[in-house]
C-alpha cells in the first residue's frame, strides 16, 4: 500500500502515465469537456474536493513545462491565479474561448467540486531530467 502521495487509484495511474508534452486539465465543476475525454471526477458536492487542494496534490507530483489559465481568472478569481503562482506555476493567461478549445484535446481531466469561476488550469507535462531538471538519483 502506498505510504504518501496520490492514493486515488485512477488518478495515480493517469498521473504516472503522463509523457512529455501530454496535456491535462484540473478543473472546476462546470468546465465543458469533449465527449469521450477521460475524467477523474473527484467532486462529490459543490466546494468539495476543492481546486486548491487537488491542484496542490497533483502538481507536487508532476513536472509541468507550461500551463494556461483563462484570462478572466485574473479579475474574477485572482486568488486562484495566486494559488497557482504559489505552486511555482507561471500560467499563461489566454482568452477563455481559446482555453476551452485547448481543453478539448487533453489526455485527461481532473474534475474537482470547485464552485469558483475560472478555477481551471491546463498543464503540459515536462520531464524531470535534462538541463535544470532533477532525476531520482539527484
N, C-alpha and C. Protein backbone atom coordinates (compact mmCIF):
# COMPACT_ATOMS: atom_id res chain seq x y z
N UNK A 1 0.84 -1.17 0.00
CA UNK A 1 0.00 0.00 0.00
C UNK A 1 0.89 1.24 0.00
N UNK A 2 0.50 2.26 -0.81
CA UNK A 2 1.28 3.50 -0.88
C UNK A 2 1.32 4.19 0.48
N UNK A 3 2.45 4.78 0.77
CA UNK A 3 2.64 5.48 2.03
C UNK A 3 2.29 6.96 1.90
N UNK A 4 2.57 7.57 0.74
CA UNK A 4 2.36 9.01 0.56
C UNK A 4 1.86 9.28 -0.86
N UNK A 5 1.53 10.52 -1.09
CA UNK A 5 1.14 10.94 -2.44
C UNK A 5 -0.29 10.60 -2.77
N UNK A 6 -0.57 10.54 -4.05
CA UNK A 6 -1.92 10.28 -4.54
C UNK A 6 -2.30 8.83 -4.27
N UNK A 7 -3.43 8.64 -3.57
CA UNK A 7 -3.88 7.28 -3.28
C UNK A 7 -5.12 6.90 -4.09
N UNK A 8 -5.69 7.84 -4.82
CA UNK A 8 -6.83 7.54 -5.71
C UNK A 8 -6.26 6.75 -6.88
N UNK A 9 -6.66 5.50 -7.01
CA UNK A 9 -6.03 4.58 -7.96
C UNK A 9 -6.05 5.10 -9.40
N UNK A 10 -7.20 5.56 -9.87
CA UNK A 10 -7.28 6.03 -11.26
C UNK A 10 -6.46 7.29 -11.47
N UNK A 11 -6.52 8.21 -10.53
CA UNK A 11 -5.73 9.44 -10.65
C UNK A 11 -4.24 9.13 -10.64
N UNK A 12 -3.81 8.26 -9.75
CA UNK A 12 -2.39 7.88 -9.70
C UNK A 12 -1.95 7.24 -11.01
N UNK A 13 -2.80 6.41 -11.60
CA UNK A 13 -2.47 5.77 -12.88
C UNK A 13 -2.37 6.80 -14.00
N UNK A 14 -3.28 7.73 -14.04
CA UNK A 14 -3.25 8.76 -15.08
C UNK A 14 -2.01 9.65 -14.93
N UNK A 15 -1.70 10.06 -13.72
CA UNK A 15 -0.52 10.91 -13.49
C UNK A 15 0.75 10.15 -13.86
N UNK A 16 0.85 8.89 -13.45
CA UNK A 16 2.04 8.10 -13.76
C UNK A 16 2.18 7.84 -15.26
N UNK A 17 1.07 7.87 -15.97
CA UNK A 17 1.09 7.61 -17.41
C UNK A 17 1.41 8.83 -18.26
N UNK A 18 1.54 10.00 -17.66
CA UNK A 18 1.86 11.20 -18.44
C UNK A 18 3.24 11.09 -19.09
N UNK A 19 3.32 11.56 -20.31
CA UNK A 19 4.58 11.62 -21.04
C UNK A 19 4.81 13.05 -21.49
N UNK A 20 6.04 13.35 -21.86
CA UNK A 20 6.42 14.71 -22.25
C UNK A 20 5.47 15.25 -23.30
N UNK A 21 4.97 16.41 -23.07
CA UNK A 21 4.04 17.21 -23.89
C UNK A 21 2.58 16.78 -23.78
N UNK A 22 2.27 15.71 -23.05
CA UNK A 22 0.87 15.40 -22.80
C UNK A 22 0.25 16.56 -22.03
N UNK A 23 -1.02 16.83 -22.30
CA UNK A 23 -1.71 17.88 -21.56
C UNK A 23 -2.82 17.28 -20.72
N UNK A 24 -3.08 17.94 -19.60
CA UNK A 24 -4.18 17.55 -18.73
C UNK A 24 -4.73 18.82 -18.10
N UNK A 25 -5.96 18.75 -17.65
CA UNK A 25 -6.58 19.91 -17.04
C UNK A 25 -7.10 19.53 -15.66
N UNK A 26 -6.89 20.43 -14.72
CA UNK A 26 -7.52 20.35 -13.40
C UNK A 26 -8.59 21.43 -13.43
N UNK A 27 -9.84 21.03 -13.23
CA UNK A 27 -10.91 21.99 -13.49
C UNK A 27 -11.97 22.04 -12.40
N UNK A 28 -12.72 23.13 -12.47
CA UNK A 28 -13.85 23.30 -11.56
C UNK A 28 -14.99 22.38 -12.00
N UNK A 29 -16.08 22.45 -11.30
CA UNK A 29 -17.18 21.52 -11.57
C UNK A 29 -17.95 21.82 -12.84
N UNK A 30 -17.70 22.97 -13.47
CA UNK A 30 -18.51 23.34 -14.62
C UNK A 30 -17.81 23.43 -15.96
N UNK A 31 -16.50 23.20 -16.02
CA UNK A 31 -15.79 23.35 -17.29
C UNK A 31 -16.29 22.32 -18.31
N UNK A 32 -16.72 22.79 -19.50
CA UNK A 32 -17.16 21.82 -20.52
C UNK A 32 -15.99 21.03 -21.07
N UNK A 33 -16.20 19.74 -21.22
CA UNK A 33 -15.17 18.85 -21.76
C UNK A 33 -15.73 18.15 -22.99
N UNK A 34 -14.82 17.71 -23.86
CA UNK A 34 -15.26 17.00 -25.07
C UNK A 34 -15.83 15.64 -24.69
N UNK A 35 -16.85 15.19 -25.42
CA UNK A 35 -17.35 13.84 -25.18
C UNK A 35 -16.20 12.84 -25.34
N UNK A 36 -16.13 11.90 -24.45
CA UNK A 36 -15.08 10.88 -24.52
C UNK A 36 -13.80 11.24 -23.79
N UNK A 37 -13.69 12.48 -23.29
CA UNK A 37 -12.50 12.86 -22.52
C UNK A 37 -12.45 12.02 -21.25
N UNK A 38 -11.34 11.33 -20.99
CA UNK A 38 -11.24 10.60 -19.73
C UNK A 38 -11.27 11.61 -18.56
N UNK A 39 -12.14 11.36 -17.60
CA UNK A 39 -12.31 12.27 -16.47
C UNK A 39 -12.15 11.51 -15.16
N UNK A 40 -11.28 12.02 -14.32
CA UNK A 40 -11.19 11.55 -12.95
C UNK A 40 -12.03 12.55 -12.16
N UNK A 41 -13.21 12.15 -11.77
CA UNK A 41 -14.16 13.06 -11.12
C UNK A 41 -14.03 12.93 -9.62
N UNK A 42 -13.46 13.96 -8.99
CA UNK A 42 -13.25 13.95 -7.55
C UNK A 42 -14.33 14.73 -6.79
N UNK A 43 -15.17 15.44 -7.54
CA UNK A 43 -16.22 16.23 -6.90
C UNK A 43 -17.31 15.35 -6.34
N UNK A 44 -17.69 15.59 -5.10
CA UNK A 44 -18.80 14.84 -4.52
C UNK A 44 -19.90 15.76 -4.02
N UNK A 45 -19.63 17.07 -3.94
CA UNK A 45 -20.62 18.11 -3.74
C UNK A 45 -19.93 19.43 -4.06
N UNK A 46 -20.71 20.49 -4.30
CA UNK A 46 -20.10 21.77 -4.64
C UNK A 46 -19.17 22.22 -3.52
N UNK A 47 -17.96 22.59 -3.92
CA UNK A 47 -16.93 23.02 -2.97
C UNK A 47 -16.00 21.91 -2.53
N UNK A 48 -16.38 20.66 -2.75
CA UNK A 48 -15.57 19.52 -2.33
C UNK A 48 -15.40 18.56 -3.50
N UNK A 49 -14.34 18.11 -3.80
CA UNK A 49 -12.99 18.40 -3.37
C UNK A 49 -12.56 19.75 -3.95
N UNK A 50 -11.91 20.59 -3.14
CA UNK A 50 -11.57 21.94 -3.60
C UNK A 50 -10.41 21.96 -4.60
N UNK A 51 -10.48 22.90 -5.51
CA UNK A 51 -9.45 23.08 -6.53
C UNK A 51 -8.06 23.26 -5.90
N UNK A 52 -7.96 24.08 -4.85
CA UNK A 52 -6.65 24.36 -4.25
C UNK A 52 -5.99 23.08 -3.75
N UNK A 53 -6.73 22.24 -3.06
CA UNK A 53 -6.17 21.01 -2.51
C UNK A 53 -5.81 20.03 -3.61
N UNK A 54 -6.72 19.84 -4.56
CA UNK A 54 -6.48 18.89 -5.65
C UNK A 54 -5.29 19.33 -6.50
N UNK A 55 -5.24 20.61 -6.86
CA UNK A 55 -4.14 21.08 -7.70
C UNK A 55 -2.80 20.99 -6.96
N UNK A 56 -2.78 21.34 -5.69
CA UNK A 56 -1.53 21.24 -4.92
C UNK A 56 -1.05 19.80 -4.85
N UNK A 57 -1.95 18.87 -4.65
CA UNK A 57 -1.59 17.45 -4.56
C UNK A 57 -1.04 16.93 -5.89
N UNK A 58 -1.74 17.21 -6.97
CA UNK A 58 -1.30 16.72 -8.28
C UNK A 58 0.00 17.39 -8.71
N UNK A 59 0.07 18.71 -8.58
CA UNK A 59 1.24 19.43 -9.09
C UNK A 59 2.50 19.16 -8.27
N UNK A 60 2.34 18.60 -7.07
CA UNK A 60 3.54 18.22 -6.30
C UNK A 60 4.19 16.97 -6.87
N UNK A 61 3.47 16.26 -7.75
CA UNK A 61 3.97 15.01 -8.32
C UNK A 61 4.29 15.08 -9.81
N UNK A 62 3.99 16.20 -10.45
CA UNK A 62 4.10 16.30 -11.90
C UNK A 62 5.05 17.44 -12.29
N UNK A 63 5.89 17.19 -13.28
CA UNK A 63 6.69 18.26 -13.87
C UNK A 63 5.83 18.93 -14.93
N UNK A 64 5.63 20.23 -14.79
CA UNK A 64 4.83 21.00 -15.74
C UNK A 64 5.76 21.97 -16.45
N UNK A 65 5.84 21.85 -17.78
CA UNK A 65 6.72 22.75 -18.52
C UNK A 65 6.00 24.01 -19.00
N UNK A 66 4.67 23.97 -19.05
CA UNK A 66 3.91 25.16 -19.40
C UNK A 66 2.48 24.97 -18.92
N UNK A 67 1.82 26.07 -18.61
CA UNK A 67 0.44 26.00 -18.16
C UNK A 67 -0.32 27.23 -18.63
N UNK A 68 -1.65 27.08 -18.67
CA UNK A 68 -2.52 28.14 -19.15
C UNK A 68 -3.73 28.26 -18.23
N UNK A 69 -4.24 29.46 -18.14
CA UNK A 69 -5.50 29.74 -17.45
C UNK A 69 -6.31 30.67 -18.33
N UNK A 70 -7.59 30.73 -18.04
CA UNK A 70 -8.43 31.73 -18.70
C UNK A 70 -8.03 33.11 -18.17
N UNK A 71 -7.89 34.06 -19.04
CA UNK A 71 -7.53 35.42 -18.66
C UNK A 71 -8.53 35.98 -17.63
N UNK A 72 -9.76 35.53 -17.68
CA UNK A 72 -10.79 36.03 -16.77
C UNK A 72 -10.48 35.74 -15.31
N UNK A 73 -9.68 34.73 -15.03
CA UNK A 73 -9.36 34.40 -13.65
C UNK A 73 -8.62 35.56 -12.97
N UNK A 74 -7.90 36.35 -13.73
CA UNK A 74 -7.13 37.46 -13.15
C UNK A 74 -8.02 38.50 -12.48
N UNK A 75 -9.20 38.71 -13.02
CA UNK A 75 -10.10 39.72 -12.45
C UNK A 75 -11.24 39.12 -11.63
N UNK A 76 -11.73 37.96 -12.05
CA UNK A 76 -12.89 37.36 -11.39
C UNK A 76 -12.49 36.55 -10.16
N UNK A 77 -11.41 35.80 -10.25
CA UNK A 77 -10.96 34.93 -9.15
C UNK A 77 -9.45 35.02 -8.99
N UNK A 78 -8.93 36.21 -8.67
CA UNK A 78 -7.46 36.37 -8.61
C UNK A 78 -6.78 35.46 -7.59
N UNK A 79 -7.50 35.03 -6.56
CA UNK A 79 -6.90 34.13 -5.57
C UNK A 79 -6.56 32.77 -6.19
N UNK A 80 -7.29 32.37 -7.22
CA UNK A 80 -6.99 31.11 -7.91
C UNK A 80 -5.66 31.24 -8.63
N UNK A 81 -5.47 32.35 -9.33
CA UNK A 81 -4.21 32.59 -10.04
C UNK A 81 -3.05 32.65 -9.04
N UNK A 82 -3.24 33.37 -7.94
CA UNK A 82 -2.18 33.47 -6.92
C UNK A 82 -1.82 32.09 -6.37
N UNK A 83 -2.82 31.27 -6.15
CA UNK A 83 -2.58 29.90 -5.67
C UNK A 83 -1.67 29.14 -6.64
N UNK A 84 -1.94 29.25 -7.94
CA UNK A 84 -1.14 28.55 -8.94
C UNK A 84 0.29 29.10 -8.97
N UNK A 85 0.43 30.40 -8.85
CA UNK A 85 1.77 31.01 -8.80
C UNK A 85 2.51 30.53 -7.55
N UNK A 86 1.80 30.44 -6.44
CA UNK A 86 2.40 29.93 -5.20
C UNK A 86 2.86 28.48 -5.33
N UNK A 87 2.29 27.75 -6.29
CA UNK A 87 2.70 26.37 -6.56
C UNK A 87 3.83 26.31 -7.59
N UNK A 88 4.43 27.45 -7.88
CA UNK A 88 5.54 27.58 -8.82
C UNK A 88 5.15 27.40 -10.28
N UNK A 89 3.88 27.62 -10.59
CA UNK A 89 3.47 27.69 -11.99
C UNK A 89 3.50 29.15 -12.41
N UNK A 90 3.66 29.38 -13.69
CA UNK A 90 3.51 30.71 -14.27
C UNK A 90 2.50 30.58 -15.39
N UNK A 91 1.22 30.36 -15.03
CA UNK A 91 0.24 30.09 -16.07
C UNK A 91 0.05 31.27 -17.02
N UNK A 92 0.03 30.95 -18.29
CA UNK A 92 -0.17 31.97 -19.32
C UNK A 92 -1.67 32.26 -19.45
N UNK A 93 -2.07 33.51 -19.23
CA UNK A 93 -3.48 33.85 -19.41
C UNK A 93 -3.83 33.91 -20.90
N UNK A 94 -4.93 33.24 -21.26
CA UNK A 94 -5.41 33.25 -22.65
C UNK A 94 -6.92 33.53 -22.64
N UNK A 95 -7.44 33.91 -23.79
CA UNK A 95 -8.86 34.13 -23.95
C UNK A 95 -9.62 32.87 -23.51
N UNK A 96 -10.76 33.06 -22.86
CA UNK A 96 -11.49 31.90 -22.31
C UNK A 96 -11.93 30.93 -23.40
N UNK A 97 -12.34 31.45 -24.56
CA UNK A 97 -12.73 30.55 -25.65
C UNK A 97 -11.54 29.73 -26.15
N UNK A 98 -10.35 30.35 -26.20
CA UNK A 98 -9.14 29.63 -26.60
C UNK A 98 -8.80 28.56 -25.55
N UNK A 99 -8.98 28.90 -24.29
CA UNK A 99 -8.74 27.94 -23.21
C UNK A 99 -9.66 26.73 -23.37
N UNK A 100 -10.95 26.99 -23.54
CA UNK A 100 -11.92 25.89 -23.70
C UNK A 100 -11.62 25.05 -24.93
N UNK A 101 -11.15 25.68 -26.01
CA UNK A 101 -10.80 24.92 -27.22
C UNK A 101 -9.59 24.03 -26.96
N UNK A 102 -8.59 24.53 -26.23
CA UNK A 102 -7.39 23.74 -25.94
C UNK A 102 -7.71 22.54 -25.05
N UNK A 103 -8.67 22.70 -24.17
CA UNK A 103 -9.05 21.64 -23.24
C UNK A 103 -9.69 20.46 -23.96
N UNK A 104 -10.19 20.68 -25.15
CA UNK A 104 -10.86 19.61 -25.89
C UNK A 104 -9.91 18.49 -26.30
N UNK A 105 -8.61 18.73 -26.19
CA UNK A 105 -7.62 17.76 -26.67
C UNK A 105 -6.72 17.23 -25.56
N UNK A 106 -7.18 17.24 -24.31
CA UNK A 106 -6.33 16.80 -23.20
C UNK A 106 -6.29 15.27 -23.10
N UNK A 107 -5.20 14.77 -22.50
CA UNK A 107 -5.10 13.33 -22.24
C UNK A 107 -6.13 12.90 -21.20
N UNK A 108 -6.38 13.77 -20.22
CA UNK A 108 -7.40 13.52 -19.22
C UNK A 108 -7.71 14.81 -18.47
N UNK A 109 -8.84 14.79 -17.78
CA UNK A 109 -9.26 15.91 -16.94
C UNK A 109 -9.45 15.42 -15.52
N UNK A 110 -9.13 16.29 -14.58
CA UNK A 110 -9.42 16.02 -13.18
C UNK A 110 -10.46 17.06 -12.77
N UNK A 111 -11.68 16.58 -12.57
CA UNK A 111 -12.76 17.49 -12.20
C UNK A 111 -12.86 17.54 -10.68
N UNK A 112 -12.81 18.75 -10.16
CA UNK A 112 -12.99 18.96 -8.73
C UNK A 112 -14.45 19.33 -8.47
N UNK A 113 -14.80 19.52 -7.23
CA UNK A 113 -16.13 20.01 -6.90
C UNK A 113 -16.16 21.52 -6.77
N UNK A 114 -15.07 22.16 -7.18
CA UNK A 114 -14.91 23.61 -7.01
C UNK A 114 -16.06 24.37 -7.67
N UNK A 115 -16.58 25.36 -6.92
CA UNK A 115 -17.67 26.19 -7.44
C UNK A 115 -17.24 27.65 -7.53
N UNK A 116 -15.97 27.87 -7.87
CA UNK A 116 -15.41 29.20 -8.08
C UNK A 116 -15.20 29.38 -9.57
N UNK A 117 -15.65 30.53 -10.10
CA UNK A 117 -15.49 30.79 -11.52
C UNK A 117 -14.03 30.75 -11.95
N UNK A 118 -13.75 30.09 -13.07
CA UNK A 118 -12.45 30.04 -13.73
C UNK A 118 -11.37 29.36 -12.91
N UNK A 119 -11.75 28.46 -12.01
CA UNK A 119 -10.77 27.68 -11.24
C UNK A 119 -10.36 26.47 -12.08
N UNK A 120 -9.54 26.75 -13.09
CA UNK A 120 -9.10 25.73 -14.04
C UNK A 120 -7.65 26.01 -14.41
N UNK A 121 -6.88 24.96 -14.63
CA UNK A 121 -5.53 25.13 -15.16
C UNK A 121 -5.24 23.99 -16.14
N UNK A 122 -4.77 24.38 -17.30
CA UNK A 122 -4.35 23.44 -18.33
C UNK A 122 -2.84 23.31 -18.23
N UNK A 123 -2.34 22.10 -18.15
CA UNK A 123 -0.91 21.86 -17.96
C UNK A 123 -0.35 20.98 -19.06
N UNK A 124 0.89 21.26 -19.45
CA UNK A 124 1.64 20.41 -20.38
C UNK A 124 2.79 19.79 -19.59
N UNK A 125 2.83 18.46 -19.62
CA UNK A 125 3.83 17.73 -18.85
C UNK A 125 5.23 17.94 -19.41
N UNK A 126 6.17 18.09 -18.50
CA UNK A 126 7.58 18.19 -18.85
C UNK A 126 8.30 16.92 -18.43
N UNK A 127 9.62 17.02 -18.33
CA UNK A 127 10.42 15.87 -17.91
C UNK A 127 11.27 16.27 -16.71
N UNK A 128 11.55 15.33 -15.81
CA UNK A 128 12.32 15.65 -14.61
C UNK A 128 13.83 15.51 -14.77
N UNK A 129 14.29 15.43 -16.01
CA UNK A 129 15.73 15.29 -16.24
C UNK A 129 16.14 16.27 -17.32
N UNK A 130 17.44 16.38 -17.54
CA UNK A 130 17.94 17.33 -18.52
C UNK A 130 18.39 18.61 -17.84
N UNK A 131 18.69 19.65 -18.62
CA UNK A 131 19.17 20.92 -18.04
C UNK A 131 18.18 21.46 -17.02
N UNK A 132 18.63 21.64 -15.81
CA UNK A 132 17.81 22.20 -14.76
C UNK A 132 16.83 21.24 -14.13
N UNK A 133 16.72 20.02 -14.66
CA UNK A 133 15.77 19.06 -14.13
C UNK A 133 16.39 18.23 -13.03
N UNK A 134 15.57 17.47 -12.37
CA UNK A 134 16.05 16.57 -11.33
C UNK A 134 15.66 15.15 -11.69
N UNK A 135 16.50 14.23 -11.35
CA UNK A 135 16.15 12.82 -11.51
C UNK A 135 16.09 12.18 -10.13
N UNK A 136 15.65 10.97 -10.09
CA UNK A 136 15.55 10.26 -8.82
C UNK A 136 16.92 10.07 -8.18
N UNK A 137 17.99 10.17 -8.95
CA UNK A 137 19.33 9.95 -8.41
C UNK A 137 20.02 11.26 -8.02
N UNK A 138 19.39 12.41 -8.30
CA UNK A 138 20.00 13.71 -7.94
C UNK A 138 19.85 13.97 -6.47
